[in-house]
Structure formats: C-alpha cells, structure tokens
C-alpha cells in the first residue's frame, strides 16, 4: 500500500490513541450523572458513546478496550425492557465501566493495513471477433476516449496482453472450447479485464460456455450495436476512470475518516458527514452512487434513515450499506427490509469494505440505468429528466450559477418513418443520442422528452455558450449519412434554448425552450433559437 496512506492511517491511530482516555472519561462522567439522576435521553447518549468506543477501538486494534466496551454494550442491550434500573443493574454497569476505564492502560501497537491491489487498465477495448463487428464498433466508439485493438486468434490475444492491459475484451463464443475457457477466465480475472461474449447461437450451451470463461455480458448476433456500444462504454468507463462516489455517514469522525481513506485508496471519491441533519443537502450536492451509514446515530436510527430515503423518488434507488457493531441477525434483517442493501458488522477489514461497496455501487448503477433511462436510446426517461432538472436548477440557484435547458426535435421525423420505416427511424434517434453522449460533458444530462423530442440540461452554461454547443451538435449531426437499403439520406434537428437566471424556474424553462424550438421550426428548421421574454404591454 502507498506509504502516504499508511502514514495517514498511522496519524489517525495516534490521534485516536491520544483521545481515547477522554472518550472513556466522558462515558464515566455520563454514568456518574445517570447514577445520581436517571434520565432516558442521557442513557441513550451513554449507549451511543459505548457503541462508538466498541466500533472504533476494534477498527484501530485496541482489542482490550474493544473487549471491555463490547461487554458493556451487550449488557446495556439486555436492559431495554426495564423502565428503571435496579440497584443490581447499576452495580453491574459501574463494574463494567470501571473495566473499560482500566482497559485503556494496556498499550496497543498500530495495525498495519493491507489493501487489495487494483489493476491499472489502458483505454483499450480488444476485439476477438469478426471484421463486421470490429468495423461497426470503430464507427460508434468514441476514438478520443477508447482505442480498439483487433486480434484474430487466441494465441495473438495472449501475446497482445503482454504489451497492453485492456479494460474490456469482446470475444465470439466460437473462440472458446473446453480446453481454453478456464484458462481465459483465469487470465482475464488476474488482470481484472471485463469479458463480453457474442454468438450467432443463443442456446444454453453457448451461454454456459461464455459464463465459464468469465463473461459478464452476452450479445446474440446480429448484434444491436447501439446496445453493445453503450454497454461497452458504460462498463469500461466505470472500469477505467470514473470512480464511484460514496457518501459516508458516521457520528464517530475518526471512523468516518478511516473509511474515507480506505475507499479513496481503492479509487473511489468520498464525502464524510457526521450528523444526519446534513444528509439531504449532501445527497443533492454530492450525488453519491452509494450511502455508507452507521445504524446508531445521535438524532435518528439507520432504520428511520432508510425509511426516509425510500419515500423520496430521487433516492429510492440509492444503495445503502449499514455499518454497525450490531450482531443481532434479526435487527440486521430489519435494516435490510426497511431499504438497506447490505449490513457489515464492525470492525470491517479494508478488503471486505472495498469489495462490498464496489459490488453494491456497481449493481446500483446498473439497476438505476435500467429504471431511469429510455430503453431505445439510453437517454434519461421523461420522469427522471424532470426530477434531475429540479435538482440542477435548485443547485444553480444556491450556487448562483447559470444553467441552460434545451428542447430538440428531429426535423420531418414522421416523413422519415413513413419513407424508410420505423426501424430506420429508431437508428436515427439512437445515433442522435450517441452524438450527445460523445460530445457533451459528464455533468450534462440527455433526456428523451417524448417521441422524437429530446432535452439537454447544461449546468453552469449560459445562453451564449449553450447556443455554440447546440450549433456544433446540429452541424455534426447534419453531416451523418444514414443508409436504408440502397437509399441514403441526411437528417437534421431544430433546437430551442431557455437559460437560468433569465428564466427563473423549471416550468418556465421548459415553456421557454419549447417556444424557442417552435420559432426555430417556423423559421425553416435545422437551426437553434434562444428564448426571448416578450415585454408585456
């Protein structure tokens, strides 16, 4: 592991060790106050402090403290059904608190952590397949981001892997047999290379052979190249350079920082909050792929938190992993039933934390894509587009930044469908969206508003720049040549733009962009107009 990371963890360990006596002193004082004046609120605070010590001590390797805190925490759990504590209960707790106090005198050595090594991949997609598939992918994969490398047989693949470490391999199942499928699986797994298989035969045997070779995707020929291209770019982008965004919520700042260091070292981007009251703002600003949360928090429980988020359409799909010292299986299952996706018991080894977070974030991203996108084009569906527009306009107002909303309509699309057929029309729409994805920023949103109408949300982009962007997209799209049998044609689109702060809310943005689009079409199509507010008489 990077020595700088080890130094950060050592610094955390030292800071924790220095502050541990004060943490235990706080528990001792809380119990002293409770012994004199019973208070349910203070008793809950007392329990939270004991739970935090239990979790953090085990994480940092203070096993004597962890053992004493765990015994105290376990005993406190047995008292839930008692409205008031008996003298015997108080004596028992006093002894356990004293044991905890004494445990801190035992000197512990800092734990040296080991992290799983992550492979560094080249921006290469290897193709072990027929020429037609390679050429089609050449026309659709963005060459500024991904390089395609053709190999013609298995032996050439092995020699190629000596010089490059591709993110993805696309292979026809015909290149697999009983002798090499296990070898390919081991070879690709060792290098963390993603495998996608294609085949003219989609029977059980072909799919099973692909699975045994380690395939994570199967495409039946003739291949839907739009779907293949989108899948390859989505998966390889995640595999290569787009890190998962993890929001960490834990009231123990030291533990939250520890999790942040571990996940950052594994290539993720993290944000830490220690108070649930800041959760909604953090979700809106940070837009995480996953929430990692303690179950026992000062102002609410993880159960309440999960219920709250699952009632919000924006966060109903957000993966949640709970972390806690709680080992009661029924309570763990209750957390899952209320909307959690996984439950990890503290302390968590770095490799287990990384594996759980990555797998849940990856699955969450895939499921979210299915739910939020239009199945034909891959653009955001209508409902999701409007939800995201609400979030972006709220952010623009809060940060005092511009934002542009664009309405786009394919010119004479009904005539195109009537002349060349609906399948041809579908290819036009897919190509248009591929253009948007390849030319726009990651923060820009592409949505299918309905039919042949699409929308763009361009954060931090004023009217002047959005006009330049849309004109370049329009000019590029008009140069594409579409083939329908022996016929070929070009297609154009018209666009209307409305921008914040000139237009102040979501409904006005949509209305303004729609009016500007109408003006562009009335003026002859294949052009972009900006909304101008008419002065009232």
Protein backbone atom coordinates (compact mmCIF):
# COMPACT_ATOMS: atom_id res chain seq x y z
CA UNK A 1 0.00 0.00 0.00
CA UNK A 2 1.06 3.61 -0.61
CA UNK A 3 3.26 4.76 2.27
CA UNK A 4 1.44 8.09 2.36
CA UNK A 5 -1.80 6.23 3.03
CA UNK A 6 -0.12 4.19 5.76
CA UNK A 7 1.12 7.48 7.25
CA UNK A 8 -2.43 8.89 7.22
CA UNK A 9 -3.75 5.79 8.96
CA UNK A 10 -0.92 5.95 11.50
CA UNK A 11 -1.79 9.58 12.13
CA UNK A 12 -5.42 8.58 12.71
CA UNK A 13 -4.30 5.79 15.04
CA UNK A 14 -2.10 8.19 17.04
CA UNK A 15 -4.85 10.80 17.25
CA UNK A 16 -7.34 8.15 18.34
CA UNK A 17 -4.94 6.77 20.96
CA UNK A 18 -4.34 10.23 22.40
CA UNK A 19 -8.07 10.97 22.58
CA UNK A 20 -9.14 7.58 23.93
CA UNK A 21 -8.77 8.46 27.64
CA UNK A 22 -11.05 11.49 27.14
CA UNK A 23 -13.66 9.33 25.36
CA UNK A 24 -13.67 6.84 28.25
CA UNK A 25 -13.72 9.70 30.77
CA UNK A 26 -16.86 11.03 29.05
CA UNK A 27 -18.52 7.62 29.43
CA UNK A 28 -17.50 7.54 33.09
CA UNK A 29 -18.94 11.02 33.72
CA UNK A 30 -22.16 10.20 31.88
CA UNK A 31 -22.64 7.13 34.04
CA UNK A 32 -21.85 9.12 37.18
CA UNK A 33 -24.54 11.65 36.25
CA UNK A 34 -27.05 8.88 35.47
CA UNK A 35 -26.36 7.20 38.80
CA UNK A 36 -27.43 10.35 40.62
CA UNK A 37 -30.27 11.49 38.32
CA UNK A 38 -31.85 8.96 35.98
CA UNK A 39 -32.57 10.41 32.51
CA UNK A 40 -33.65 8.37 29.48
CA UNK A 41 -32.14 10.83 26.98
CA UNK A 42 -28.77 10.75 28.76
CA UNK A 43 -28.95 6.97 28.98
CA UNK A 44 -29.36 6.81 25.17
CA UNK A 45 -26.36 9.14 24.79
CA UNK A 46 -24.43 6.87 27.17
CA UNK A 47 -25.26 3.85 25.00
CA UNK A 48 -24.19 5.67 21.81
CA UNK A 49 -20.82 6.58 23.33
CA UNK A 50 -20.24 2.96 24.37
CA UNK A 51 -21.19 1.73 20.87
CA UNK A 52 -18.78 4.23 19.27
CA UNK A 53 -15.94 3.09 21.52
CA UNK A 54 -16.70 -0.55 20.73
CA UNK A 55 -16.65 0.07 16.96
CA UNK A 56 -13.67 2.42 16.82
CA UNK A 57 -11.46 0.51 19.27
CA UNK A 58 -11.78 -2.70 17.26
CA UNK A 59 -11.10 -0.86 14.00
CA UNK A 60 -7.86 0.65 15.31
CA UNK A 61 -6.70 -2.52 17.01
CA UNK A 62 -7.34 -1.58 20.66
CA UNK A 63 -8.66 -5.03 21.42
CA UNK A 64 -8.60 -4.72 25.25
CA UNK A 65 -10.75 -1.58 25.05
CA UNK A 66 -12.93 -3.25 22.43
CA UNK A 67 -13.50 -6.30 24.67
CA UNK A 68 -14.48 -4.16 27.67
CA UNK A 69 -16.73 -1.86 25.60
CA UNK A 70 -18.38 -4.85 23.90
CA UNK A 71 -19.21 -6.44 27.26
CA UNK A 72 -20.72 -3.16 28.46
CA UNK A 73 -22.68 -2.65 25.23
CA UNK A 74 -24.03 -6.21 25.33
CA UNK A 75 -25.16 -5.76 28.93
CA UNK A 76 -26.91 -2.47 28.13
CA UNK A 77 -28.88 -4.19 25.34
CA UNK A 78 -30.39 -6.57 27.90
CA UNK A 79 -31.91 -3.62 29.78
CA UNK A 80 -34.26 -2.36 27.04
CA UNK A 81 -37.32 -3.78 28.74
CA UNK A 82 -36.58 -2.14 32.10
CA UNK A 83 -38.16 1.32 32.59
CA UNK A 84 -35.87 1.92 35.58
CA UNK A 85 -32.63 0.25 36.57
CA UNK A 86 -32.46 -1.82 39.76
CA UNK A 87 -29.57 -1.39 42.25
CA UNK A 88 -28.13 -4.67 40.92
CA UNK A 89 -28.20 -3.29 37.37
CA UNK A 90 -26.42 -0.13 38.48
CA UNK A 91 -23.73 -2.10 40.29
CA UNK A 92 -23.13 -4.26 37.23
CA UNK A 93 -22.84 -1.24 34.94
CA UNK A 94 -20.49 0.51 37.38
CA UNK A 95 -18.17 -2.54 37.34
CA UNK A 96 -18.24 -2.72 33.55
CA UNK A 97 -17.46 0.99 33.27
CA UNK A 98 -14.52 0.51 35.64
CA UNK A 99 -13.27 -2.40 33.49
CA UNK A 100 -13.45 -0.13 30.45
CA UNK A 101 -11.52 2.56 32.31
CA UNK A 102 -8.77 0.09 33.21
CA UNK A 103 -8.54 -1.37 29.69
CA UNK A 104 -7.11 1.85 28.26
CA UNK A 105 -3.91 1.38 30.29
CA UNK A 106 -2.94 -1.59 28.11
CA UNK A 107 -0.62 -0.34 25.37
CA UNK A 108 -1.56 -1.35 21.82
CA UNK A 109 0.55 -1.24 18.69
CA UNK A 110 -0.79 0.41 15.50
CA UNK A 111 -2.27 -2.01 12.98
CA UNK A 112 -0.61 -2.23 9.56
CA UNK A 113 -3.29 -2.50 6.93
CA UNK A 114 -3.07 -4.29 3.62
CA UNK A 115 -5.20 -3.37 0.62
CA UNK A 116 -6.10 -5.45 -2.40
CA UNK A 117 -4.07 -4.38 -5.41
CA UNK A 118 -6.09 -2.78 -8.19
CA UNK A 119 -5.15 -3.18 -11.84
CA UNK A 120 -4.40 -0.15 -13.97
CA UNK A 121 -6.04 -0.56 -17.36
CA UNK A 122 -5.22 1.02 -20.70
CA UNK A 123 -8.03 2.78 -22.56
CA UNK A 124 -8.21 -0.20 -24.91
CA UNK A 125 -11.05 -2.50 -25.94
CA UNK A 126 -9.77 -5.73 -27.53
CA UNK A 127 -11.91 -7.38 -30.20
CA UNK A 128 -11.58 -11.12 -30.90
CA UNK A 129 -14.48 -11.32 -33.32
CA UNK A 130 -15.47 -10.94 -36.96
CA UNK A 131 -14.49 -7.94 -39.14
CA UNK A 132 -18.05 -6.59 -39.39
CA UNK A 133 -18.34 -6.21 -35.61
CA UNK A 134 -14.93 -4.55 -35.36
CA UNK A 135 -15.75 -2.05 -38.14
CA UNK A 136 -19.16 -1.22 -36.66
CA UNK A 137 -17.60 -0.54 -33.27
CA UNK A 138 -14.99 1.66 -34.98
CA UNK A 139 -17.83 3.82 -36.26
CA UNK A 140 -19.55 4.09 -32.89
CA UNK A 141 -16.92 4.04 -30.12
CA UNK A 142 -15.55 7.50 -29.27
CA UNK A 143 -11.92 7.34 -30.57
CA UNK A 144 -10.81 10.20 -28.30
CA UNK A 145 -11.57 8.06 -25.26
CA UNK A 146 -11.19 4.40 -26.31
CA UNK A 147 -8.80 2.63 -28.65
CA UNK A 148 -9.97 -0.54 -30.38
CA UNK A 149 -7.42 -3.34 -30.90
CA UNK A 150 -8.28 -6.22 -33.21
CA UNK A 151 -6.85 -9.69 -32.56
CA UNK A 152 -7.53 -12.61 -34.89
CA UNK A 153 -6.95 -15.70 -32.73
CA UNK A 154 -6.40 -16.81 -29.16
CA UNK A 155 -2.61 -17.07 -29.38
CA UNK A 156 -2.45 -13.48 -30.62
CA UNK A 157 -4.62 -12.41 -27.68
CA UNK A 158 -2.14 -13.87 -25.20
CA UNK A 159 0.78 -12.09 -26.88
CA UNK A 160 -1.20 -8.83 -27.01
CA UNK A 161 -1.82 -8.98 -23.26
CA UNK A 162 1.94 -8.91 -22.70
CA UNK A 163 2.08 -5.34 -24.03
CA UNK A 164 -1.35 -3.87 -23.13
CA UNK A 165 -3.82 -4.31 -20.29
CA UNK A 166 -7.21 -3.65 -21.93
CA UNK A 167 -10.24 -2.69 -19.90
CA UNK A 168 -12.52 -4.92 -21.99
CA UNK A 169 -12.34 -7.95 -24.28
CA UNK A 170 -15.15 -8.68 -26.76
CA UNK A 171 -14.97 -12.30 -27.97
CA UNK A 172 -17.08 -14.58 -30.12
CA UNK A 173 -18.00 -17.77 -28.25
CA UNK A 174 -16.65 -19.69 -31.24
CA UNK A 175 -13.14 -18.98 -29.98
CA UNK A 176 -13.93 -20.82 -26.74
CA UNK A 177 -13.69 -24.54 -26.15
CA UNK A 178 -13.37 -26.84 -23.14
CA UNK A 179 -9.57 -26.57 -23.26
CA UNK A 180 -9.27 -22.79 -23.09
CA UNK A 181 -12.38 -21.43 -21.35
CA UNK A 182 -10.91 -21.98 -17.86
CA UNK A 183 -7.56 -20.58 -18.99
CA UNK A 184 -9.22 -17.44 -20.39
CA UNK A 185 -11.20 -17.00 -17.17
CA UNK A 186 -8.05 -17.14 -15.05
CA UNK A 187 -6.09 -14.93 -17.44
CA UNK A 188 -8.72 -12.18 -17.51
CA UNK A 189 -9.53 -12.41 -13.79
CA UNK A 190 -5.84 -12.00 -12.91
CA UNK A 191 -5.75 -8.77 -14.93
CA UNK A 192 -9.31 -7.66 -13.97
CA UNK A 193 -10.31 -7.47 -17.65
CA UNK A 194 -14.03 -7.41 -18.40
CA UNK A 195 -15.24 -10.03 -20.91
CA UNK A 196 -18.25 -9.73 -23.21
CA UNK A 197 -19.22 -12.61 -25.46
CA UNK A 198 -21.09 -12.67 -28.76
CA UNK A 199 -22.58 -15.62 -30.62
CA UNK A 200 -24.82 -16.49 -33.55
CA UNK A 201 -26.30 -19.14 -31.28
CA UNK A 202 -28.03 -18.11 -28.07
CA UNK A 203 -28.65 -21.64 -26.78
CA UNK A 204 -27.91 -22.80 -23.23
CA UNK A 205 -24.57 -24.40 -24.14
CA UNK A 206 -23.21 -21.21 -25.75
CA UNK A 207 -24.28 -19.03 -22.83
CA UNK A 208 -22.83 -21.50 -20.31
CA UNK A 209 -19.51 -21.56 -22.15
CA UNK A 210 -19.41 -17.76 -22.03
CA UNK A 211 -20.15 -17.77 -18.29
CA UNK A 212 -17.40 -20.32 -17.61
CA UNK A 213 -14.94 -18.08 -19.44
CA UNK A 214 -15.94 -15.24 -17.11
CA UNK A 215 -18.25 -13.27 -19.40
CA UNK A 216 -20.32 -10.51 -17.76
CA UNK A 217 -22.40 -9.83 -20.88
CA UNK A 218 -23.79 -11.89 -23.76
CA UNK A 219 -24.93 -10.47 -27.13
CA UNK A 220 -26.84 -12.55 -29.66
CA UNK A 221 -25.91 -11.93 -33.31
CA UNK A 222 -26.92 -10.00 -35.31
CA UNK A 223 -25.79 -7.63 -32.57
CA UNK A 224 -27.69 -4.49 -31.58
CA UNK A 225 -24.63 -2.28 -31.98
CA UNK A 226 -26.19 0.63 -30.17
CA UNK A 227 -26.76 -1.52 -27.09
CA UNK A 228 -23.33 -3.14 -27.36
CA UNK A 229 -21.58 0.21 -27.74
CA UNK A 230 -23.44 1.75 -24.84
CA UNK A 231 -22.75 -1.24 -22.59
CA UNK A 232 -19.05 -1.28 -23.50
CA UNK A 233 -18.64 2.44 -22.88
CA UNK A 234 -20.62 2.38 -19.63
CA UNK A 235 -18.79 -0.63 -18.21
CA UNK A 236 -15.31 0.31 -19.40
CA UNK A 237 -15.75 3.91 -18.21
CA UNK A 238 -16.50 2.63 -14.72
CA UNK A 239 -13.65 0.14 -15.02
CA UNK A 240 -11.19 2.74 -16.26
CA UNK A 241 -11.61 6.19 -14.88
CA UNK A 242 -14.99 7.13 -13.48
CA UNK A 243 -14.84 6.48 -9.73
CA UNK A 244 -17.84 5.60 -7.60
CA UNK A 245 -18.97 8.42 -5.31
CA UNK A 246 -19.51 7.24 -1.75
CA UNK A 247 -21.24 9.33 0.94
CA UNK A 248 -20.15 8.26 4.45
CA UNK A 249 -22.38 8.99 7.46
CA UNK A 250 -20.95 8.13 10.87
CA UNK A 251 -21.11 10.26 14.01
CA UNK A 252 -17.66 8.94 15.02
CA UNK A 253 -15.49 11.32 12.96
CA UNK A 254 -12.39 9.14 13.37
CA UNK A 255 -14.15 6.09 11.94
CA UNK A 256 -15.69 8.08 9.09
CA UNK A 257 -12.23 9.39 8.18
CA UNK A 258 -10.82 5.85 8.32
CA UNK A 259 -13.49 4.55 5.90
CA UNK A 260 -12.83 7.54 3.66
CA UNK A 261 -9.09 6.80 3.47
CA UNK A 262 -9.71 3.10 2.74
CA UNK A 263 -12.21 3.78 -0.06
CA UNK A 264 -10.18 6.65 -1.53
CA UNK A 265 -7.15 4.36 -1.70
CA UNK A 266 -9.35 1.92 -3.65
CA UNK A 267 -10.04 4.61 -6.27
CA UNK A 268 -13.37 5.97 -5.05
CA UNK A 269 -14.42 9.55 -4.28
CA UNK A 270 -15.79 10.08 -0.78
CA UNK A 271 -17.59 12.72 1.24
CA UNK A 272 -17.97 12.49 5.03
CA UNK A 273 -20.78 13.85 7.20
CA UNK A 274 -21.17 13.15 10.91
CA UNK A 275 -24.70 14.46 11.50
CA UNK A 276 -27.83 13.10 9.75
CA UNK A 277 -29.30 16.60 9.67
CA UNK A 278 -26.91 17.40 6.78
CA UNK A 279 -27.81 14.28 4.80
CA UNK A 280 -30.32 15.69 2.30
CA UNK A 281 -28.09 18.62 1.32
CA UNK A 282 -25.09 16.30 0.98
CA UNK A 283 -27.11 13.94 -1.24
CA UNK A 284 -28.16 16.79 -3.52
CA UNK A 285 -24.70 18.37 -3.76
CA UNK A 286 -22.56 15.23 -3.91
CA UNK A 287 -24.94 12.91 -5.85
CA UNK A 288 -23.41 9.70 -4.46
CA UNK A 289 -23.59 6.25 -6.02
CA UNK A 290 -23.90 4.72 -2.54
CA UNK A 291 -24.54 5.71 1.08
CA UNK A 292 -22.39 4.05 3.76
CA UNK A 293 -24.05 4.70 7.12
CA UNK A 294 -23.80 3.72 10.75
CA UNK A 295 -27.03 2.32 12.18
CA UNK A 296 -26.86 4.08 15.56
CA UNK A 297 -26.74 7.85 15.16
CA UNK A 298 -27.33 10.64 17.70
CA UNK A 299 -30.60 12.05 16.32
CA UNK A 300 -32.09 9.08 14.48
CA UNK A 301 -31.51 5.43 13.64
CA UNK A 302 -30.43 3.87 10.38
CA UNK A 303 -33.86 2.25 10.20
CA UNK A 304 -35.52 5.68 10.18
CA UNK A 305 -32.95 6.97 7.72
CA UNK A 306 -33.60 4.18 5.22
CA UNK A 307 -37.36 4.68 5.50
CA UNK A 308 -36.97 8.42 4.94
CA UNK A 309 -34.86 7.97 1.80
CA UNK A 310 -37.07 5.24 0.33
CA UNK A 311 -40.02 7.65 0.46
CA UNK A 312 -38.19 10.13 -1.80
CA UNK A 313 -38.39 9.30 -5.54
CA UNK A 314 -34.89 10.73 -6.07
CA UNK A 315 -33.27 8.32 -3.60
CA UNK A 316 -35.46 5.25 -3.72
CA UNK A 317 -32.79 3.51 -5.84
CA UNK A 318 -29.73 4.71 -3.89
CA UNK A 319 -27.81 1.69 -2.48
CA UNK A 320 -27.39 1.82 1.30
CA UNK A 321 -24.82 -0.21 3.24
CA UNK A 322 -25.17 -0.17 7.01
CA UNK A 323 -22.17 -0.44 9.32
CA UNK A 324 -22.60 -1.30 12.98
CA UNK A 325 -21.36 -3.35 15.90
CA UNK A 326 -24.88 -4.78 15.96
CA UNK A 327 -24.66 -8.56 15.58
CA UNK A 328 -28.33 -9.33 16.23
CA UNK A 329 -29.35 -11.04 12.99
CA UNK A 330 -33.00 -10.01 13.36
CA UNK A 331 -32.05 -6.33 13.59
CA UNK A 332 -29.71 -6.72 10.62
CA UNK A 333 -32.57 -8.23 8.59
CA UNK A 334 -34.88 -5.43 9.77
CA UNK A 335 -32.40 -2.89 8.36
CA UNK A 336 -32.39 -4.75 5.03
CA UNK A 337 -36.20 -4.98 4.97
CA UNK A 338 -36.50 -1.23 5.52
CA UNK A 339 -34.41 -0.44 2.46
CA UNK A 340 -30.80 -1.28 3.24
CA UNK A 341 -28.85 -3.25 0.65
CA UNK A 342 -26.18 -4.75 2.89
CA UNK A 343 -25.11 -4.90 6.54
CA UNK A 344 -21.47 -5.03 7.62
CA UNK A 345 -20.51 -5.72 11.21
CA UNK A 346 -17.72 -3.58 12.66
CA UNK A 347 -14.79 -3.95 12.57
CA UNK A 348 -14.61 -4.39 8.82
CA UNK A 349 -11.41 -5.43 7.09
CA UNK A 350 -10.39 -2.97 4.34
CA UNK A 351 -10.69 -5.58 1.58
CA UNK A 352 -14.19 -6.57 2.75
CA UNK A 353 -15.31 -2.94 2.90
CA UNK A 354 -13.93 -2.20 -0.56
CA UNK A 355 -15.47 -5.34 -2.07
CA UNK A 356 -18.92 -4.73 -0.55
CA UNK A 357 -19.02 -1.04 -1.52
CA UNK A 358 -17.79 -1.64 -5.08
CA UNK A 359 -20.18 -4.52 -5.78
CA UNK A 360 -23.22 -2.69 -4.37
CA UNK A 361 -22.35 0.58 -6.11
CA UNK A 362 -21.83 -1.25 -9.41
CA UNK A 363 -25.11 -3.15 -9.14
CA UNK A 364 -26.92 0.00 -8.06
CA UNK A 365 -25.58 1.88 -11.07
CA UNK A 366 -26.72 -0.85 -13.45
CA UNK A 367 -30.20 -1.11 -11.92
CA UNK A 368 -30.56 2.66 -11.83
CA UNK A 369 -29.70 2.79 -15.53
CA UNK A 370 -32.45 0.30 -16.37
CA UNK A 371 -35.01 2.20 -14.28
CA UNK A 372 -34.14 5.77 -15.23
CA UNK A 373 -33.31 5.52 -18.93
CA UNK A 374 -35.25 5.14 -22.14
CA UNK A 375 -34.79 1.57 -23.37
CA UNK A 376 -34.38 2.55 -27.04
CA UNK A 377 -31.84 5.35 -26.85
CA UNK A 378 -30.28 5.17 -23.38
CA UNK A 379 -31.23 8.79 -22.66
CA UNK A 380 -32.93 9.63 -19.36
CA UNK A 381 -36.64 8.92 -19.45
CA UNK A 382 -39.15 11.77 -19.15
CA UNK A 383 -39.84 11.44 -15.41
CA UNK A 384 -36.18 11.15 -14.44
CA UNK A 385 -35.24 14.08 -16.67
CA UNK A 386 -37.70 16.37 -14.89
CA UNK A 387 -36.53 15.18 -11.45
CA UNK A 388 -32.90 15.84 -12.33
CA UNK A 389 -33.78 19.23 -13.82
CA UNK A 390 -35.39 20.19 -10.49
CA UNK A 391 -32.18 19.23 -8.67
CA UNK A 392 -29.95 21.11 -11.11
CA UNK A 393 -31.99 24.32 -11.06
CA UNK A 394 -32.00 24.19 -7.26
CA UNK A 395 -28.21 23.83 -7.28
CA UNK A 396 -27.83 26.67 -9.80
CA UNK A 397 -29.89 28.98 -7.58
CA UNK A 398 -27.99 28.03 -4.45
CA UNK A 399 -24.55 28.42 -6.07
CA UNK A 400 -25.54 31.42 -8.22
CA UNK A 401 -24.52 29.68 -11.45
CA UNK A 402 -26.13 29.72 -14.92
CA UNK A 403 -27.96 26.73 -16.42
CA UNK A 404 -29.44 26.09 -19.84
CA UNK A 405 -32.30 23.80 -20.86
CA UNK A 406 -32.55 22.70 -24.50
CA UNK A 407 -35.50 21.22 -26.36
CA UNK A 408 -34.57 19.32 -29.55
CA UNK A 409 -36.83 17.94 -32.26
CA UNK A 410 -35.78 15.78 -35.23
CA UNK A 411 -36.92 17.53 -38.39
CA UNK A 412 -39.59 15.82 -40.53
CA UNK A 413 -39.36 12.66 -38.43
CA UNK A 414 -42.83 11.40 -39.43
CA UNK A 415 -41.81 11.62 -43.09
CA UNK A 416 -38.60 9.69 -42.30
CA UNK A 417 -40.62 6.91 -40.64
CA UNK A 418 -43.16 6.81 -43.46
CA UNK A 419 -40.45 6.72 -46.14
CA UNK A 420 -37.85 4.38 -44.65
CA UNK A 421 -39.71 2.57 -41.87
CA UNK A 422 -39.76 2.77 -38.08
CA UNK A 423 -36.62 0.67 -37.62
CA UNK A 424 -34.70 3.21 -39.67
CA UNK A 425 -36.24 5.98 -37.57
CA UNK A 426 -35.07 4.19 -34.42
CA UNK A 427 -31.50 4.14 -35.75
CA UNK A 428 -31.67 7.90 -36.35
CA UNK A 429 -32.75 8.53 -32.75
CA UNK A 430 -30.03 6.24 -31.38
CA UNK A 431 -27.36 7.95 -33.48
CA UNK A 432 -28.51 11.36 -32.26
CA UNK A 433 -28.24 10.33 -28.63
CA UNK A 434 -24.82 8.73 -29.23
CA UNK A 435 -23.69 12.09 -30.60
CA UNK A 436 -24.89 13.86 -27.45
CA UNK A 437 -23.16 11.38 -25.16
CA UNK A 438 -19.86 11.59 -27.05
CA UNK A 439 -19.74 15.40 -27.36
CA UNK A 440 -21.21 16.61 -24.05
CA UNK A 441 -19.67 16.66 -20.57
CA UNK A 442 -20.31 14.01 -17.92
CA UNK A 443 -22.30 16.55 -15.86
CA UNK A 444 -24.65 17.34 -18.76
CA UNK A 445 -27.95 15.49 -18.89
CA UNK A 446 -29.51 13.97 -22.01
CA UNK A 447 -33.18 13.02 -21.83
CA UNK A 448 -35.89 11.77 -24.15
CA UNK A 449 -38.75 14.16 -23.65
CA UNK A 450 -41.08 12.11 -25.84
CA UNK A 451 -41.22 10.65 -29.35
CA UNK A 452 -38.56 12.37 -31.45
CA UNK A 453 -38.11 15.18 -28.91
CA UNK A 454 -35.04 15.24 -26.68
CA UNK A 455 -33.83 17.57 -23.95
CA UNK A 456 -30.43 18.65 -22.69
CA UNK A 457 -29.66 20.09 -19.27
CA UNK A 458 -26.38 22.02 -19.34
CA UNK A 459 -25.28 23.04 -15.82
CA UNK A 460 -23.03 26.09 -15.41
CA UNK A 461 -23.65 27.05 -19.05
CA UNK A 462 -25.06 30.41 -20.06
CA UNK A 463 -27.18 31.17 -23.13
CA UNK A 464 -24.26 32.22 -25.33
CA UNK A 465 -22.21 29.07 -24.72
CA UNK A 466 -25.21 26.74 -24.92
CA UNK A 467 -26.02 28.23 -28.33
CA UNK A 468 -22.47 27.48 -29.53
CA UNK A 469 -22.66 23.93 -28.17
CA UNK A 470 -26.03 23.21 -29.79
CA UNK A 471 -24.97 24.66 -33.13
CA UNK A 472 -21.89 22.42 -33.21
CA UNK A 473 -24.06 19.38 -32.39
CA UNK A 474 -26.55 20.38 -35.08
CA UNK A 475 -23.85 20.81 -37.73
CA UNK A 476 -22.20 17.49 -36.82
CA UNK A 477 -25.49 15.56 -36.93
CA UNK A 478 -26.42 17.04 -40.32
CA UNK A 479 -23.21 15.55 -41.79
CA UNK A 480 -24.12 11.96 -40.85
CA UNK A 481 -25.21 9.77 -43.74
CA UNK A 482 -27.88 7.16 -42.94
CA UNK A 483 -28.30 4.09 -45.14
CA UNK A 484 -31.62 2.33 -45.78
CA UNK A 485 -31.03 -0.48 -48.25
CA UNK A 486 -29.87 1.15 -51.47
CA UNK A 487 -31.07 4.56 -50.30
CA UNK A 488 -29.23 7.05 -48.15
CA UNK A 489 -30.18 10.33 -46.57
CA UNK A 490 -29.18 13.01 -44.09
CA UNK A 491 -31.27 14.12 -41.12
CA UNK A 492 -31.34 17.42 -39.23
CA UNK A 493 -32.77 18.72 -35.97
CA UNK A 494 -34.06 22.00 -34.59
CA UNK A 495 -33.47 23.26 -31.05
CA UNK A 496 -34.75 25.86 -28.60
CA UNK A 497 -32.87 27.13 -25.54
CA UNK A 498 -34.01 28.76 -22.31
CA UNK A 499 -31.48 29.75 -19.65
CA UNK A 500 -31.37 30.49 -15.95
CA UNK A 501 -31.26 33.12 -14.44
CA UNK A 502 -33.07 34.84 -17.33
CA UNK A 503 -35.83 32.26 -16.79
CA UNK A 504 -36.35 31.50 -13.12
CA UNK A 505 -37.97 28.10 -12.58
CA UNK A 506 -38.43 24.65 -14.08
CA UNK A 507 -41.82 25.14 -15.71
CA UNK A 508 -40.74 28.46 -17.22
CA UNK A 509 -37.52 26.87 -18.56
CA UNK A 510 -39.47 24.09 -20.27
CA UNK A 511 -42.04 26.51 -21.64
CA UNK A 512 -39.38 28.95 -22.84
CA UNK A 513 -37.29 26.27 -24.57
CA UNK A 514 -40.44 24.87 -26.20
CA UNK A 515 -41.37 28.32 -27.57
CA UNK A 516 -37.84 28.84 -28.89
CA UNK A 517 -37.99 25.41 -30.56
CA UNK A 518 -41.28 26.35 -32.23
CA UNK A 519 -39.65 29.54 -33.55
CA UNK A 520 -36.72 27.54 -34.96
CA UNK A 521 -39.10 25.20 -36.79
CA UNK A 522 -41.23 28.08 -38.07
CA UNK A 523 -38.07 29.79 -39.38
CA UNK A 524 -37.23 26.81 -41.59
CA UNK A 525 -35.84 24.09 -39.25
CA UNK A 526 -32.21 22.92 -38.90
CA UNK A 527 -31.38 25.85 -36.62
CA UNK A 528 -31.15 26.83 -32.95
CA UNK A 529 -33.12 29.66 -31.33
CA UNK A 530 -32.87 31.14 -27.84
CA UNK A 531 -35.96 32.12 -25.85
CA UNK A 532 -36.57 35.83 -25.56
CA UNK A 533 -39.04 37.07 -22.95
CA UNK A 534 -41.66 39.24 -24.62
CA UNK A 535 -42.22 42.59 -22.93
CA UNK A 536 -45.76 42.93 -21.57
CA UNK A 537 -47.91 45.70 -23.00
